[in-house]
Amino acid sequence: MSDIKVTKIAETDVSPTILASHAATMCYNADTPELGRTIDVKKRLFDTGHHSTLEHNYWTFMIENIPVSSVVFGLHLTAPFYDTDQRSGRFSKMYENPDMADIKNTLETYYPDAPAQNITQACDFIEKGLNVYADNKNKVTEMARDAIHRERPMASDKYVESNAPKLAQEQLRMFVSMIAPTALDWTVDLATICAFYRTAWTPFMRDVMDKITANIKTTHPDIAYMFDESARSTRDWSPEFEKHYDIGPGTGLVVPKTRYMGTITRPEFKLLDYKYNNEKFMPNQSRDTVDTLQFSPEYMDNSLMYVRSRIHVDAGATMGQDQRHRSIKRSKPIFTGCFYLPPLLDMAGLKPVADNWMRDFYNMVRNPEIPNGFVTSIAPYGAMVRYDKHADLNALIHEQGKRTCWCAQEAIYHLACDLRRELEENLVSDAAVLDYLTPPCLSMEHCVEGARYCGRDLKNETLEKYFRDRQI
């Protein structure tokens, strides 16, 4: 894990200079330009900011051994101009067979100026969380089996046996540090690569961009000028840790302090604002598994209607899932001082364990010798963040179709249900959009997930009782 591996696995089969030249001359010629004739791309396109011509060239890189934290708070945080498929957390080797020596080496490699005692403190925290995971895995797996039988009566024995360990792991990973390595296929265009090269805000991201641009400069030396070292940011960025107000001991003064605030057993949702016109709303007639809403002209007016919300969720799992919907805008996340304790972990009595463990984490947060970026890189999956979302109705319908499905993880399902409930309370009683903030099985009357069918009794489901709470 100590060194991120970046491998090019695909790229556009026409060179960037040739393709950008063709795209640019297409705009200003009556005749079709000849592919292969080039212009001065640096002078006429790159230096002048005509970078849409660079977006025709794509690369796909396989990125291995990058921490989850530098995906959630890095590659996936803000830019919508990429395509990605990431390894599911349940296949992380760190969960079952952690190599603490390698984790220590990773921190020393990417934070070479960190004092040895801080590295040791971080490793102790990471190891304690992994021990909680290991010590409770069998118990929580058995609890997950019982919950499947209660909530999903049509689930087969095969489904129960294959999914109980997965669901237990999904909840227990709240105790796992996001320094856990993951892997992904990442497809980006040339303009995005240039932007990420200049803005990369974690040492892990800078390493990824160094390796990506080194590969491109080797195969396309004629565009090396696009990766100017002097134009790069050297500043690390990480989310803020929210300060809470305490009475200073012996002083009576109110002082701001970053501290641990306790566990929360359900993600929190708040409706901030919405714009909706029932007469102009165009219902989704296709009910297709292909998302056509952002492409069909008849749905364009839906994009001018929106929902703004504020959510309070675990950073590693729920925020990571939320980032998959890149057509939705989000504000910067802020760590709130809370820890997400999913239903099974709460039932297992792990609240005192979480409280003691997270106090150790916030001792590191308050340590002035430890940079925020370092602490963020080792934050647990369950560390909670707050951020705002702005979704136009086309994006929201697509998101809700995925997140109200029982195949979605418990926390993000509850957020989707809360959103729908609040809209139902605030919109007109006959708001047509509500009929489309539902999973496919309610509208299509069958499950589209195939072998992943959740095991609910679909014959007896109704809209009124569908959006109920779950433990798994």
Protein backbone atom coordinates (compact mmCIF):
# COMPACT_ATOMS: atom_id res chain seq x y z
CA MET A 1 0.00 0.00 0.00
CA SER A 2 2.87 2.38 0.74
CA ASP A 3 3.19 3.41 -2.91
CA ILE A 4 0.26 4.16 -5.23
CA LYS A 5 0.37 2.31 -8.54
CA VAL A 6 -0.99 3.99 -11.68
CA THR A 7 -1.33 2.00 -14.92
CA LYS A 8 -2.64 3.32 -18.23
CA ILE A 9 -5.09 0.78 -19.65
CA ALA A 10 -6.69 2.75 -22.51
CA GLU A 11 -6.45 6.03 -24.41
CA THR A 12 -7.87 7.79 -27.47
CA ASP A 13 -6.12 6.42 -30.56
CA VAL A 14 -5.38 9.85 -32.10
CA SER A 15 -2.69 12.06 -30.58
CA PRO A 16 -3.81 15.11 -28.55
CA THR A 17 -2.11 17.60 -30.89
CA ILE A 18 -3.70 16.10 -34.00
CA LEU A 19 -7.18 15.79 -32.46
CA ALA A 20 -7.18 19.26 -30.89
CA SER A 21 -5.98 20.74 -34.21
CA HIS A 22 -8.78 19.00 -36.08
CA ALA A 23 -11.40 20.15 -33.56
CA ALA A 24 -10.21 23.75 -33.68
CA THR A 25 -9.97 24.00 -37.46
CA MET A 26 -13.39 22.37 -37.81
CA CYS A 27 -14.83 25.48 -36.12
CA TYR A 28 -13.30 27.97 -38.58
CA ASN A 29 -13.28 26.28 -41.98
CA ALA A 30 -15.96 25.86 -44.60
CA ASP A 31 -14.38 22.59 -45.68
CA THR A 32 -13.83 19.50 -43.54
CA PRO A 33 -10.27 19.70 -42.17
CA GLU A 34 -7.78 16.97 -42.90
CA LEU A 35 -7.03 14.76 -39.90
CA GLY A 36 -3.29 14.95 -39.40
CA ARG A 37 -2.71 18.59 -40.26
CA THR A 38 -1.73 20.44 -37.10
CA ILE A 39 -1.73 24.00 -35.84
CA ASP A 40 0.26 25.57 -33.01
CA VAL A 41 -1.87 24.07 -30.22
CA LYS A 42 0.14 25.72 -27.44
CA LYS A 43 -0.06 29.23 -28.83
CA ARG A 44 -3.53 29.17 -30.37
CA LEU A 45 -5.43 26.89 -28.00
CA PHE A 46 -3.71 26.05 -24.72
CA ASP A 47 -2.27 29.46 -23.82
CA THR A 48 -5.46 31.25 -24.88
CA GLY A 49 -7.76 29.00 -22.83
CA HIS A 50 -9.61 27.26 -25.68
CA HIS A 51 -9.51 24.00 -23.75
CA SER A 52 -12.73 22.42 -25.01
CA THR A 53 -10.55 21.21 -27.89
CA LEU A 54 -8.56 19.15 -25.37
CA GLU A 55 -11.62 17.29 -24.14
CA HIS A 56 -11.68 14.96 -27.15
CA ASN A 57 -8.71 12.97 -25.82
CA TYR A 58 -9.45 10.49 -23.04
CA TRP A 59 -7.30 8.21 -20.92
CA THR A 60 -8.32 5.41 -18.59
CA PHE A 61 -5.96 4.73 -15.70
CA MET A 62 -6.12 1.92 -13.18
CA ILE A 63 -5.18 3.44 -9.83
CA GLU A 64 -4.28 0.96 -7.08
CA ASN A 65 -3.39 1.38 -3.40
CA ILE A 66 -4.82 4.87 -3.08
CA PRO A 67 -6.44 5.52 0.33
CA VAL A 68 -10.22 5.73 0.43
CA SER A 69 -9.79 9.14 2.09
CA SER A 70 -7.97 10.55 -0.93
CA VAL A 71 -10.78 9.38 -3.19
CA VAL A 72 -13.65 10.65 -1.02
CA PHE A 73 -11.87 13.92 -0.13
CA GLY A 74 -9.82 14.02 -3.32
CA LEU A 75 -10.48 12.53 -6.75
CA HIS A 76 -14.26 12.32 -6.27
CA LEU A 77 -14.82 15.41 -4.16
CA THR A 78 -15.63 18.17 -6.62
CA ALA A 79 -14.96 17.68 -10.35
CA PRO A 80 -17.83 16.09 -12.32
CA PHE A 81 -15.63 15.56 -15.39
CA TYR A 82 -14.61 11.94 -14.95
CA ASP A 83 -15.94 8.41 -15.04
CA THR A 84 -14.98 5.96 -12.36
CA ASP A 85 -15.60 2.44 -11.10
CA GLN A 86 -14.17 1.80 -7.66
CA ARG A 87 -13.54 -1.42 -5.77
CA SER A 88 -16.23 -2.05 -3.17
CA GLY A 89 -15.04 -1.67 0.39
CA ARG A 90 -16.07 -5.22 1.22
CA PHE A 91 -13.18 -6.49 -0.92
CA SER A 92 -10.56 -4.51 0.98
CA LYS A 93 -7.78 -6.77 2.22
CA MET A 94 -7.17 -4.35 5.08
CA TYR A 95 -10.36 -5.40 6.84
CA GLU A 96 -9.47 -9.06 7.24
CA ASN A 97 -5.69 -9.05 7.03
CA PRO A 98 -4.30 -5.62 7.96
CA ASP A 99 -0.59 -5.00 7.56
CA MET A 100 0.21 -2.35 10.18
CA ALA A 101 3.84 -2.14 9.10
CA ASP A 102 2.71 -1.21 5.59
CA ILE A 103 0.21 1.34 6.93
CA LYS A 104 2.99 2.93 8.99
CA ASN A 105 5.22 3.00 5.92
CA THR A 106 2.43 4.66 3.91
CA LEU A 107 2.10 7.49 6.43
CA GLU A 108 5.88 7.94 6.58
CA THR A 109 6.09 7.99 2.76
CA TYR A 110 3.38 10.58 2.16
CA TYR A 111 3.94 12.63 5.31
CA PRO A 112 7.74 12.57 5.61
CA ASP A 113 7.81 15.55 8.00
CA ALA A 114 5.43 14.01 10.53
CA PRO A 115 7.09 13.35 13.91
CA ALA A 116 7.55 9.69 14.77
CA GLN A 117 5.31 9.94 17.84
CA ASN A 118 2.44 11.23 15.70
CA ILE A 119 2.85 8.35 13.26
CA THR A 120 2.77 5.93 16.20
CA GLN A 121 -0.30 7.62 17.67
CA ALA A 122 -2.10 7.37 14.32
CA CYS A 123 -1.19 3.69 13.89
CA ASP A 124 -2.41 2.89 17.40
CA PHE A 125 -5.75 4.52 16.59
CA ILE A 126 -6.05 2.64 13.27
CA GLU A 127 -5.18 -0.70 14.89
CA LYS A 128 -7.72 -0.23 17.70
CA GLY A 129 -10.48 0.32 15.13
CA LEU A 130 -9.45 -2.77 13.16
CA ASN A 131 -9.54 -4.78 16.39
CA VAL A 132 -13.12 -3.63 17.05
CA TYR A 133 -14.00 -4.78 13.54
CA ALA A 134 -12.38 -8.20 14.01
CA ASP A 135 -13.69 -8.78 17.54
CA ASN A 136 -17.32 -8.09 16.57
CA LYS A 137 -17.49 -9.53 13.05
CA ASN A 138 -19.08 -12.88 13.99
CA LYS A 139 -21.56 -11.35 16.43
CA VAL A 140 -22.75 -8.65 14.01
CA THR A 141 -22.94 -11.17 11.14
CA GLU A 142 -25.34 -13.28 13.19
CA MET A 143 -27.38 -10.17 13.97
CA ALA A 144 -27.49 -9.41 10.24
CA ARG A 145 -28.85 -12.91 9.54
CA ASP A 146 -31.67 -12.33 12.01
CA ALA A 147 -32.41 -8.90 10.52
CA ILE A 148 -32.62 -10.34 6.98
CA HIS A 149 -35.21 -12.87 8.11
CA ARG A 150 -37.25 -10.13 9.81
CA GLU A 151 -37.08 -7.50 7.08
CA ARG A 152 -36.82 -9.63 3.93
CA PRO A 153 -39.04 -12.70 4.33
CA MET A 154 -38.70 -13.80 0.70
CA ALA A 155 -34.90 -13.96 0.85
CA SER A 156 -33.48 -17.37 0.02
CA ASP A 157 -31.05 -19.24 2.27
CA LYS A 158 -28.35 -18.56 -0.31
CA TYR A 159 -29.10 -14.83 -0.15
CA VAL A 160 -28.94 -14.84 3.66
CA GLU A 161 -25.61 -16.65 3.79
CA SER A 162 -23.97 -14.53 1.11
CA ASN A 163 -25.33 -11.18 2.31
CA ALA A 164 -25.19 -11.41 6.11
CA PRO A 165 -21.37 -11.10 6.21
CA LYS A 166 -21.51 -8.30 3.63
CA LEU A 167 -24.13 -6.33 5.58
CA ALA A 168 -22.21 -6.81 8.83
CA GLN A 169 -19.03 -5.59 7.20
CA GLU A 170 -20.89 -2.64 5.69
CA GLN A 171 -21.80 -1.43 9.17
CA LEU A 172 -18.65 -2.48 11.04
CA ARG A 173 -16.40 -0.61 8.61
CA MET A 174 -17.37 2.57 10.48
CA PHE A 175 -14.48 1.57 12.77
CA VAL A 176 -12.03 1.21 9.87
CA SER A 177 -9.69 4.07 8.97
CA MET A 178 -10.05 5.56 5.49
CA ILE A 179 -6.32 5.10 5.01
CA ALA A 180 -7.56 1.69 3.80
CA PRO A 181 -6.36 1.20 0.21
CA THR A 182 -8.81 0.98 -2.65
CA ALA A 183 -8.55 0.73 -6.43
CA LEU A 184 -10.45 2.24 -9.33
CA ASP A 185 -10.59 2.65 -13.08
CA TRP A 186 -10.55 6.41 -13.68
CA THR A 187 -11.36 7.84 -17.12
CA VAL A 188 -10.56 11.52 -17.67
CA ASP A 189 -10.08 13.90 -20.58
CA LEU A 190 -6.97 15.96 -21.19
CA ALA A 191 -8.44 19.23 -19.91
CA THR A 192 -9.38 17.54 -16.63
CA ILE A 193 -5.92 16.03 -16.27
CA CYS A 194 -4.39 19.50 -16.73
CA ALA A 195 -6.68 20.94 -14.07
CA PHE A 196 -6.12 18.15 -11.56
CA TYR A 197 -2.36 18.33 -12.11
CA ARG A 198 -2.44 21.99 -11.04
CA THR A 199 -4.94 21.73 -8.18
CA ALA A 200 -4.19 18.35 -6.51
CA TRP A 201 -4.60 19.04 -2.78
CA THR A 202 -3.36 15.90 -1.03
CA PRO A 203 0.06 14.23 -1.26
CA PHE A 204 -1.67 11.11 -2.56
CA MET A 205 -3.40 13.04 -5.36
CA ARG A 206 -0.15 14.77 -6.33
CA ASP A 207 1.54 11.39 -6.58
CA VAL A 208 -1.28 10.09 -8.82
CA MET A 209 -1.06 13.14 -11.09
CA ASP A 210 2.75 12.91 -11.24
CA LYS A 211 2.46 9.34 -12.48
CA ILE A 212 -0.35 10.10 -14.93
CA THR A 213 1.42 13.08 -16.47
CA ALA A 214 4.75 11.24 -16.60
CA ASN A 215 3.04 8.55 -18.64
CA ILE A 216 1.47 11.10 -21.00
CA LYS A 217 4.72 13.05 -21.43
CA THR A 218 6.51 9.82 -22.33
CA THR A 219 4.03 8.85 -25.04
CA HIS A 220 3.14 12.41 -26.14
CA PRO A 221 6.21 14.58 -25.48
CA ASP A 222 4.81 17.31 -27.76
CA ILE A 223 2.28 18.32 -25.06
CA ALA A 224 4.67 18.28 -22.08
CA TYR A 225 4.24 22.07 -21.89
CA MET A 226 0.70 21.52 -20.52
CA PHE A 227 2.17 20.23 -17.26
CA ASP A 228 4.13 23.20 -15.96
CA GLU A 229 5.54 22.40 -12.53
CA SER A 230 5.64 26.07 -11.55
CA ALA A 231 1.87 26.38 -12.08
CA ARG A 232 1.05 23.68 -9.54
CA SER A 233 -0.48 24.29 -6.15
CA THR A 234 1.63 23.05 -3.25
CA ARG A 235 -1.07 23.78 -0.67
CA ASP A 236 -2.82 20.91 1.06
CA TRP A 237 -6.57 21.19 1.54
CA SER A 238 -8.83 19.18 3.83
CA PRO A 239 -12.29 19.70 5.34
CA GLU A 240 -12.59 21.90 8.40
CA PHE A 241 -13.34 20.38 11.79
CA GLU A 242 -16.35 22.15 13.26
CA LYS A 243 -15.80 24.02 16.52
CA HIS A 244 -18.29 23.83 19.37
CA TYR A 245 -18.55 26.25 22.26
CA ASP A 246 -17.57 25.38 25.82
CA ILE A 247 -17.26 27.34 29.04
CA GLY A 248 -13.57 27.66 29.81
CA PRO A 249 -12.78 26.04 33.19
CA GLY A 250 -12.31 28.65 35.90
CA THR A 251 -12.86 31.55 33.50
CA GLY A 252 -16.56 31.58 32.71
CA LEU A 253 -15.62 32.53 29.13
CA VAL A 254 -17.19 30.88 26.12
CA VAL A 255 -14.41 29.36 24.02
CA PRO A 256 -14.57 27.53 20.67
CA LYS A 257 -13.21 24.00 20.74
CA THR A 258 -13.03 21.13 18.30
CA ARG A 259 -14.23 18.09 20.20
CA TYR A 260 -15.98 14.76 19.94
CA MET A 261 -19.76 15.17 20.17
CA GLY A 262 -20.95 11.54 20.42
CA THR A 263 -22.67 8.90 18.30
CA ILE A 264 -25.62 9.32 15.94
CA THR A 265 -27.64 6.28 14.91
CA ARG A 266 -29.41 7.68 11.87
CA PRO A 267 -28.17 10.09 9.18
CA GLU A 268 -29.79 13.52 9.38
CA PHE A 269 -31.66 15.32 6.60
CA LYS A 270 -32.99 18.86 6.41
CA LEU A 271 -34.91 20.39 3.51
CA LEU A 272 -33.55 23.90 2.90
CA ASP A 273 -35.35 25.13 -0.19
CA TYR A 274 -37.12 23.94 -3.32
CA LYS A 275 -38.56 25.25 -6.56
CA TYR A 276 -41.37 23.23 -8.08
CA ASN A 277 -44.16 23.88 -10.59
CA ASN A 278 -46.62 21.02 -10.84
CA GLU A 279 -48.00 22.27 -14.15
CA LYS A 280 -44.58 22.41 -15.81
CA PHE A 281 -43.22 19.17 -14.38
CA MET A 282 -42.75 16.54 -17.09
CA PRO A 283 -43.20 13.00 -15.74
CA ASN A 284 -40.63 10.35 -16.60
CA GLN A 285 -42.59 8.32 -19.14
CA SER A 286 -39.82 5.90 -20.10
CA ARG A 287 -39.21 4.14 -16.78
CA ASP A 288 -36.08 2.81 -18.44
CA THR A 289 -33.01 1.57 -16.62
CA VAL A 290 -31.09 3.90 -18.96
CA ASP A 291 -31.15 7.43 -17.55
CA THR A 292 -32.64 9.47 -20.40
CA LEU A 293 -33.86 12.40 -18.32
CA GLN A 294 -30.73 14.50 -18.86
CA PHE A 295 -30.84 13.83 -22.62
CA SER A 296 -34.46 14.15 -23.79
CA PRO A 297 -35.59 17.69 -24.73
CA GLU A 298 -39.05 17.22 -23.23
CA TYR A 299 -37.50 17.02 -19.75
CA MET A 300 -35.42 20.20 -20.00
CA ASP A 301 -37.81 22.29 -17.89
CA ASN A 302 -37.39 19.84 -15.00
CA SER A 303 -33.78 21.01 -14.74
CA LEU A 304 -34.95 24.48 -13.73
CA MET A 305 -36.77 23.04 -10.72
CA TYR A 306 -34.64 21.95 -7.78
CA VAL A 307 -34.35 20.74 -4.20
CA ARG A 308 -31.72 22.07 -1.78
CA SER A 309 -30.98 20.05 1.32
CA ARG A 310 -28.47 19.68 4.13
CA ILE A 311 -27.31 16.24 5.20
CA HIS A 312 -25.25 14.90 8.08
CA VAL A 313 -23.69 11.56 7.19
CA ASP A 314 -20.72 9.28 7.68
CA ALA A 315 -17.87 10.35 5.43
CA GLY A 316 -16.46 7.06 4.20
CA ALA A 317 -19.50 5.06 3.12
CA THR A 318 -22.52 7.33 2.67
CA MET A 319 -20.69 10.38 1.38
CA GLY A 320 -18.69 8.12 -0.92
CA GLN A 321 -21.91 6.62 -2.29
CA ASP A 322 -23.46 10.08 -2.61
CA GLN A 323 -20.58 11.24 -4.82
CA ARG A 324 -21.59 8.74 -7.50
CA HIS A 325 -24.33 11.17 -8.56
CA ARG A 326 -22.13 13.77 -10.22
CA SER A 327 -25.02 15.76 -11.72
CA ILE A 328 -25.84 16.93 -8.16
CA LYS A 329 -23.96 19.91 -6.73
CA ARG A 330 -22.51 19.82 -3.22
CA SER A 331 -20.87 22.23 -0.81
CA LYS A 332 -17.60 21.59 0.97
CA PRO A 333 -18.00 18.97 3.73
CA ILE A 334 -17.26 19.85 7.36
CA PHE A 335 -16.41 17.32 10.06
CA THR A 336 -18.99 17.78 12.82
CA GLY A 337 -17.45 15.88 15.72
CA CYS A 338 -20.00 13.03 15.54
CA PHE A 339 -19.61 9.33 14.79
CA TYR A 340 -22.16 7.29 12.85
CA LEU A 341 -23.20 4.13 14.71
CA PRO A 342 -25.41 2.05 12.36
CA PRO A 343 -28.39 0.10 13.78
CA LEU A 344 -26.69 -3.28 14.27
CA LEU A 345 -23.67 -1.72 15.99
CA ASP A 346 -25.95 0.24 18.30
CA MET A 347 -27.86 -2.97 19.14
CA ALA A 348 -24.51 -4.71 19.75
CA GLY A 349 -23.71 -2.16 22.48
CA LEU A 350 -20.72 -0.60 20.72
CA LYS A 351 -21.53 3.00 21.68
CA PRO A 352 -19.05 3.14 24.64
CA VAL A 353 -16.36 1.63 22.43
CA ALA A 354 -17.02 4.23 19.73
CA ASP A 355 -16.97 7.07 22.29
CA ASN A 356 -13.59 6.09 23.75
CA TRP A 357 -12.06 5.47 20.34
CA MET A 358 -13.28 8.72 18.79
CA ARG A 359 -11.98 10.75 21.72
CA ASP A 360 -8.53 9.45 20.73
CA PHE A 361 -9.18 10.70 17.19
CA TYR A 362 -10.19 14.17 18.32
CA ASN A 363 -7.11 14.37 20.54
CA MET A 364 -5.16 14.17 17.29
CA VAL A 365 -7.45 16.73 15.64
CA ARG A 366 -6.66 19.23 18.41
CA ASN A 367 -2.92 18.55 18.37
CA PRO A 368 -1.32 21.61 16.68
CA GLU A 369 1.61 19.46 15.56
CA ILE A 370 -0.64 17.29 13.36
CA PRO A 371 -1.88 18.90 10.11
CA ASN A 372 -5.57 18.55 9.26
CA GLY A 373 -4.65 16.77 6.05
CA PHE A 374 -2.84 14.05 7.97
CA VAL A 375 -5.77 13.53 10.35
CA THR A 376 -8.24 13.51 7.46
CA SER A 377 -6.24 10.79 5.71
CA ILE A 378 -6.73 8.43 8.67
CA ALA A 379 -10.29 9.48 9.60
CA PRO A 380 -12.62 6.53 10.16
CA TYR A 381 -15.43 5.69 7.77
CA GLY A 382 -17.86 6.63 10.54
CA ALA A 383 -16.58 10.18 11.11
CA MET A 384 -19.55 12.36 10.22
CA VAL A 385 -19.62 15.34 7.87
CA ARG A 386 -22.24 17.92 7.01
CA TYR A 387 -22.74 19.45 3.57
CA ASP A 388 -25.45 20.96 1.39
CA LYS A 389 -26.81 19.52 -1.86
CA HIS A 390 -28.51 21.16 -4.83
CA ALA A 391 -30.29 18.76 -7.19
CA ASP A 392 -32.39 19.62 -10.20
CA LEU A 393 -35.42 17.36 -10.56
CA ASN A 394 -33.98 15.23 -13.34
CA ALA A 395 -30.91 14.48 -11.23
CA LEU A 396 -33.06 13.92 -8.16
CA ILE A 397 -35.38 11.44 -9.88
CA HIS A 398 -32.37 9.44 -11.04
CA GLU A 399 -30.78 9.49 -7.58
CA GLN A 400 -33.98 8.54 -5.76
CA GLY A 401 -34.57 5.63 -8.10
CA LYS A 402 -31.24 4.19 -6.99
CA ARG A 403 -31.23 5.22 -3.32
CA THR A 404 -34.78 4.25 -2.34
CA CYS A 405 -34.05 0.71 -3.53
CA TRP A 406 -33.41 -1.77 -0.71
CA CYS A 407 -30.16 -2.78 -2.40
CA ALA A 408 -28.82 0.62 -1.36
CA GLN A 409 -26.98 0.66 1.96
CA GLU A 410 -29.05 1.43 5.03
CA ALA A 411 -27.88 5.00 5.71
CA ILE A 412 -28.24 6.37 2.19
CA TYR A 413 -31.64 4.67 1.87
CA HIS A 414 -32.84 6.50 5.00
CA LEU A 415 -31.64 9.83 3.60
CA ALA A 416 -33.62 9.19 0.41
CA CYS A 417 -36.74 8.29 2.41
CA ASP A 418 -36.41 11.42 4.58
CA LEU A 419 -36.08 13.59 1.48
CA ARG A 420 -39.25 12.13 0.01
CA ARG A 421 -41.17 12.54 3.30
CA GLU A 422 -40.22 16.19 3.64
CA LEU A 423 -41.17 16.95 0.05
CA GLU A 424 -44.48 15.16 0.56
CA GLU A 425 -45.17 17.46 3.53
CA ASN A 426 -44.21 20.64 1.69
CA LEU A 427 -45.38 20.21 -1.90
CA VAL A 428 -48.96 20.37 -3.13
CA SER A 429 -50.93 17.24 -2.32
CA ASP A 430 -51.10 16.14 -5.96
CA ALA A 431 -47.42 16.85 -6.76
CA ALA A 432 -46.70 14.56 -9.70
CA VAL A 433 -42.98 14.41 -8.97
CA LEU A 434 -43.59 12.30 -5.83
CA ASP A 435 -44.69 9.36 -7.98
CA TYR A 436 -41.21 9.33 -9.55
CA LEU A 437 -39.11 9.56 -6.37
CA THR A 438 -39.47 5.82 -5.98
CA PRO A 439 -37.50 2.65 -6.73
CA PRO A 440 -38.07 0.78 -10.02
CA CYS A 441 -39.88 -2.11 -8.32
CA LEU A 442 -42.78 0.11 -7.25
CA SER A 443 -43.38 1.54 -10.71
CA MET A 444 -42.37 -1.45 -12.86
CA GLU A 445 -43.91 -4.00 -10.45
CA HIS A 446 -40.87 -6.22 -10.55
CA CYS A 447 -37.29 -6.09 -9.29
CA VAL A 448 -34.70 -5.09 -11.91
CA GLU A 449 -31.75 -6.23 -9.79
CA GLY A 450 -31.88 -9.89 -10.83
CA ALA A 451 -29.86 -12.04 -8.44
CA ARG A 452 -29.50 -9.05 -6.13
CA TYR A 453 -33.25 -9.01 -5.39
CA CYS A 454 -33.50 -7.87 -1.77
CA GLY A 455 -36.08 -10.42 -0.58
CA ARG A 456 -38.93 -8.07 0.37
CA ASP A 457 -42.45 -9.33 -0.20
CA LEU A 458 -43.17 -7.25 -3.32
CA LYS A 459 -46.71 -8.62 -3.73
CA ASN A 460 -47.79 -6.99 -0.48
CA GLU A 461 -45.82 -3.75 -0.78
CA THR A 462 -47.64 -0.44 -1.08
CA LEU A 463 -46.37 3.09 -1.53
CA GLU A 464 -47.58 3.97 1.97
CA LYS A 465 -45.57 1.31 3.78
CA TYR A 466 -42.59 0.98 1.46
CA PHE A 467 -40.44 3.79 2.91
CA ARG A 468 -40.03 2.27 6.36
CA ASP A 469 -36.93 2.12 8.50
CA ARG A 470 -34.42 -0.68 8.10
CA GLN A 471 -31.73 -2.16 10.32
CA ILE A 472 -29.70 -3.43 7.38
